[in-house]
Amino acid sequence: MRILQVNVGRVQARANAKGRVEGTGIAKSPVSGPVTLAPSGLAGDESAYRSRTQGDTALHGFAAESYGALEASLGRALPRPGFGENLLFEGYTDAEARIGDLLAIGQVLVMVNQPVPRCSWPGVLTGAKALGPLAMKAGTPGWYMHVVQPGMLAAGDRVDLVQRGDAGWTVARLNALLLDKSPDPVAMADALAHPVLAERFKKELRPS
């Protein structure tokens, strides 16, 4: 497993899917060389919608393999990064990533703590309509991580799995639970009781 890209970007004003201009940090660019990762995220990176003070969405990961599957489905190439991801992984996918996985990358330690509930911005950024919801339906939403040990990381760094999370709760399974309109109550209760799953995502799961 390794990191193919490290991406950062500031909040910019853009027209959303409905044509209204608002701030978004979806547009990110690859960085060469070492980048500092603090508890609130990468140096030079911003988010317009997610408060970084909690640290639960400090780092956003996406799998290179997911791009391949989505491109095959769409019949067109997608730019990378196209989902606003900070880290583009190779050899580590939504089906393999577990809540509670502890990953060593460069000098840092990060822990997977939730899938990414997708919005319309990836479609706006890439020109592929409804790309965010499509990624969720395909089981490839990407994931967020919180920072256990800050430090430096860089594109090309190896990813080592230091500690494995619960085998029953992969990113893909939690994404499926979020999409399920009639979820199994036992599975829902189990997910809501997970000690590592981010509280922000638990709120997404709870019925309104």
Protein backbone atom coordinates (compact mmCIF):
# COMPACT_ATOMS: atom_id res chain seq x y z
CA MET A 1 0.00 0.00 0.00
CA ARG A 2 1.21 3.49 -0.73
CA ILE A 3 0.17 7.11 -1.20
CA LEU A 4 0.03 8.23 -4.83
CA GLN A 5 -0.92 11.87 -4.17
CA VAL A 6 -1.00 14.33 -1.30
CA ASN A 7 -3.52 17.07 -2.15
CA VAL A 8 -4.37 20.40 -0.54
CA GLY A 9 -6.56 23.36 -1.43
CA ARG A 10 -7.99 26.56 0.00
CA VAL A 11 -11.67 27.46 0.07
CA GLN A 12 -12.73 29.12 -3.18
CA ALA A 13 -15.97 30.69 -4.45
CA ARG A 14 -17.58 28.45 -7.09
CA ALA A 15 -20.99 27.97 -8.66
CA ASN A 16 -22.64 24.91 -7.13
CA ALA A 17 -24.83 22.36 -8.92
CA LYS A 18 -27.76 24.80 -8.79
CA GLY A 19 -25.73 27.69 -10.12
CA ARG A 20 -25.40 29.54 -6.83
CA VAL A 21 -21.94 30.81 -5.87
CA GLU A 22 -20.64 29.62 -2.52
CA GLY A 23 -17.38 28.69 -0.84
CA THR A 24 -15.96 25.19 -1.22
CA GLY A 25 -12.67 23.45 -0.61
CA ILE A 26 -13.38 20.67 -3.15
CA ALA A 27 -10.66 21.81 -5.59
CA LYS A 28 -7.31 20.49 -4.43
CA SER A 29 -3.93 20.11 -6.11
CA PRO A 30 -1.09 17.59 -5.67
CA VAL A 31 1.85 18.68 -3.52
CA SER A 32 5.39 17.45 -4.14
CA GLY A 33 7.70 16.85 -1.21
CA PRO A 34 6.91 16.51 2.50
CA VAL A 35 3.76 18.14 3.90
CA THR A 36 3.02 18.80 7.56
CA LEU A 37 0.00 17.05 9.04
CA ALA A 38 -1.38 18.62 12.23
CA PRO A 39 -4.35 17.38 14.30
CA SER A 40 -6.62 19.66 12.26
CA GLY A 41 -5.31 18.58 8.85
CA LEU A 42 -2.64 19.21 6.23
CA ALA A 43 -0.79 22.50 5.99
CA GLY A 44 -2.43 24.65 3.30
CA ASP A 45 -5.72 22.72 3.26
CA GLU A 46 -9.17 24.09 4.12
CA SER A 47 -12.78 22.95 4.25
CA ALA A 48 -15.81 25.20 3.86
CA TYR A 49 -18.34 22.88 5.47
CA ARG A 50 -16.55 20.71 8.02
CA SER A 51 -15.25 22.21 11.23
CA ARG A 52 -11.74 20.87 11.78
CA THR A 53 -11.77 21.65 15.51
CA GLN A 54 -13.06 18.16 16.30
CA GLY A 55 -10.34 16.56 14.18
CA ASP A 56 -12.72 13.81 13.03
CA THR A 57 -12.51 14.89 9.38
CA ALA A 58 -8.91 16.12 9.47
CA LEU A 59 -7.82 13.92 6.58
CA HIS A 60 -9.78 12.62 3.59
CA GLY A 61 -8.72 9.45 1.77
CA PHE A 62 -9.81 7.93 -1.55
CA ALA A 63 -8.71 4.80 -3.41
CA ALA A 64 -7.08 4.84 -6.83
CA GLU A 65 -8.92 1.58 -7.55
CA SER A 66 -12.24 3.39 -7.07
CA TYR A 67 -11.35 5.82 -9.85
CA GLY A 68 -10.80 2.87 -12.18
CA ALA A 69 -14.18 1.33 -11.36
CA LEU A 70 -16.04 4.63 -11.67
CA GLU A 71 -14.34 5.49 -14.95
CA ALA A 72 -15.35 2.10 -16.36
CA SER A 73 -18.94 2.77 -15.31
CA LEU A 74 -18.98 6.29 -16.72
CA GLY A 75 -17.01 5.51 -19.88
CA ARG A 76 -14.77 8.53 -19.34
CA ALA A 77 -11.65 9.57 -17.48
CA LEU A 78 -11.84 11.48 -14.21
CA PRO A 79 -9.31 14.02 -12.95
CA ARG A 80 -7.33 13.18 -9.84
CA PRO A 81 -8.10 14.55 -7.33
CA GLY A 82 -11.77 14.72 -8.26
CA PHE A 83 -13.36 14.06 -4.88
CA GLY A 84 -11.52 16.59 -2.75
CA GLU A 85 -9.37 13.88 -1.23
CA ASN A 86 -6.18 14.74 0.62
CA LEU A 87 -4.58 11.32 0.15
CA LEU A 88 -4.94 9.07 -2.89
CA PHE A 89 -4.27 5.51 -1.76
CA GLU A 90 -3.10 2.56 -3.83
CA GLY A 91 -3.82 -0.93 -2.53
CA TYR A 92 -6.29 0.10 0.16
CA THR A 93 -9.97 0.35 -0.74
CA ASP A 94 -13.35 1.03 0.88
CA ALA A 95 -14.00 -2.72 1.06
CA GLU A 96 -10.71 -3.23 2.91
CA ALA A 97 -10.63 -0.11 5.10
CA ARG A 98 -12.10 -0.75 8.54
CA ILE A 99 -13.24 1.71 11.16
CA GLY A 100 -10.41 1.75 13.68
CA ASP A 101 -7.62 0.88 11.21
CA LEU A 102 -4.44 2.58 12.39
CA LEU A 103 -2.21 3.55 9.47
CA ALA A 104 1.43 4.62 9.53
CA ILE A 105 2.35 6.97 6.67
CA GLY A 106 5.71 8.72 6.72
CA GLN A 107 6.05 10.13 10.24
CA VAL A 108 2.33 10.16 11.00
CA LEU A 109 -0.27 7.82 12.45
CA VAL A 110 -3.89 8.23 11.36
CA MET A 111 -7.05 6.26 12.15
CA VAL A 112 -9.97 5.56 9.81
CA ASN A 113 -13.15 6.74 11.54
CA GLN A 114 -15.98 7.16 8.99
CA PRO A 115 -17.07 6.98 5.34
CA VAL A 116 -17.58 10.21 3.42
CA PRO A 117 -21.26 11.15 2.91
CA ARG A 118 -21.00 12.52 -0.64
CA CYS A 119 -22.51 15.75 -1.93
CA SER A 120 -22.82 17.27 -5.42
CA TRP A 121 -19.42 19.01 -5.50
CA PRO A 122 -17.42 16.14 -7.10
CA GLY A 123 -19.84 16.25 -10.02
CA VAL A 124 -19.45 20.01 -10.33
CA LEU A 125 -15.65 19.80 -10.15
CA THR A 126 -15.25 16.98 -12.69
CA GLY A 127 -18.21 17.63 -14.98
CA ALA A 128 -19.48 14.08 -14.32
CA LYS A 129 -23.07 14.68 -13.20
CA ALA A 130 -24.04 13.20 -9.82
CA LEU A 131 -20.57 11.73 -9.35
CA GLY A 132 -20.76 11.96 -5.55
CA PRO A 133 -23.98 9.94 -5.21
CA LEU A 134 -22.73 7.54 -7.88
CA ALA A 135 -19.60 6.85 -5.83
CA MET A 136 -21.74 6.09 -2.80
CA LYS A 137 -24.02 3.74 -4.76
CA ALA A 138 -20.92 1.97 -6.08
CA GLY A 139 -19.66 1.47 -2.52
CA THR A 140 -16.67 3.74 -3.05
CA PRO A 141 -17.34 6.90 -1.00
CA GLY A 142 -13.85 7.29 0.44
CA TRP A 143 -13.15 7.81 4.13
CA TYR A 144 -12.10 10.30 6.78
CA MET A 145 -9.33 9.84 9.31
CA HIS A 146 -8.32 11.55 12.52
CA VAL A 147 -4.70 12.24 13.40
CA VAL A 148 -3.19 10.09 16.15
CA GLN A 149 0.40 11.27 15.65
CA PRO A 150 1.17 14.43 13.65
CA GLY A 151 4.26 14.85 11.52
CA MET A 152 5.34 14.86 7.88
CA LEU A 153 4.13 12.73 4.99
CA ALA A 154 4.63 12.80 1.22
CA ALA A 155 3.42 11.29 -2.03
CA GLY A 156 5.15 7.96 -2.55
CA ASP A 157 5.16 7.07 1.16
CA ARG A 158 4.38 3.49 2.06
CA VAL A 159 1.23 2.82 4.10
CA ASP A 160 1.66 0.31 6.92
CA LEU A 161 -1.32 -1.17 8.73
CA VAL A 162 -0.29 -0.93 12.40
CA GLN A 163 -3.59 -2.02 13.92
CA ARG A 164 -6.68 -3.58 12.36
CA GLY A 165 -10.16 -2.30 13.14
CA ASP A 166 -13.33 -4.36 13.57
CA ALA A 167 -13.72 -6.73 10.61
CA GLY A 168 -17.50 -6.27 10.72
CA TRP A 169 -17.35 -2.56 10.01
CA THR A 170 -15.66 -1.63 6.78
CA VAL A 171 -16.11 1.75 5.14
CA ALA A 172 -18.14 0.04 2.41
CA ARG A 173 -20.53 -1.60 4.91
CA LEU A 174 -21.16 1.63 6.80
CA ASN A 175 -21.77 3.43 3.52
CA ALA A 176 -24.34 0.75 2.61
CA LEU A 177 -25.99 1.17 6.01
CA LEU A 178 -26.25 4.91 5.45
CA LEU A 179 -27.93 4.34 2.06
CA ASP A 180 -30.32 1.64 3.34
CA LYS A 181 -33.82 3.12 3.68
CA SER A 182 -34.89 0.22 5.95
CA PRO A 183 -31.72 -0.66 7.84
CA ASP A 184 -31.48 -3.67 10.13
CA PRO A 185 -32.07 -2.32 13.66
CA VAL A 186 -29.47 -4.61 15.20
CA ALA A 187 -26.82 -3.50 12.70
CA MET A 188 -27.78 0.13 13.26
CA ALA A 189 -27.50 -0.20 17.04
CA ASP A 190 -24.14 -1.94 16.65
CA ALA A 191 -22.85 0.85 14.41
CA LEU A 192 -24.09 3.60 16.73
CA ALA A 193 -22.33 1.92 19.66
CA HIS A 194 -18.99 1.69 17.83
CA PRO A 195 -16.40 3.52 19.96
CA VAL A 196 -14.28 4.72 17.03
CA LEU A 197 -16.98 5.68 14.53
CA ALA A 198 -17.12 9.49 14.46
CA GLU A 199 -20.04 11.12 16.25
CA ARG A 200 -20.62 13.30 13.20
CA PHE A 201 -21.28 10.18 11.10
CA LYS A 202 -23.47 8.65 13.81
CA LYS A 203 -25.71 11.70 13.45
CA GLU A 204 -25.94 10.95 9.71
CA LEU A 205 -27.08 7.40 10.52
CA ARG A 206 -29.73 8.30 13.08
CA PRO A 207 -33.23 8.57 11.58
CA SER A 208 -34.61 12.11 11.69
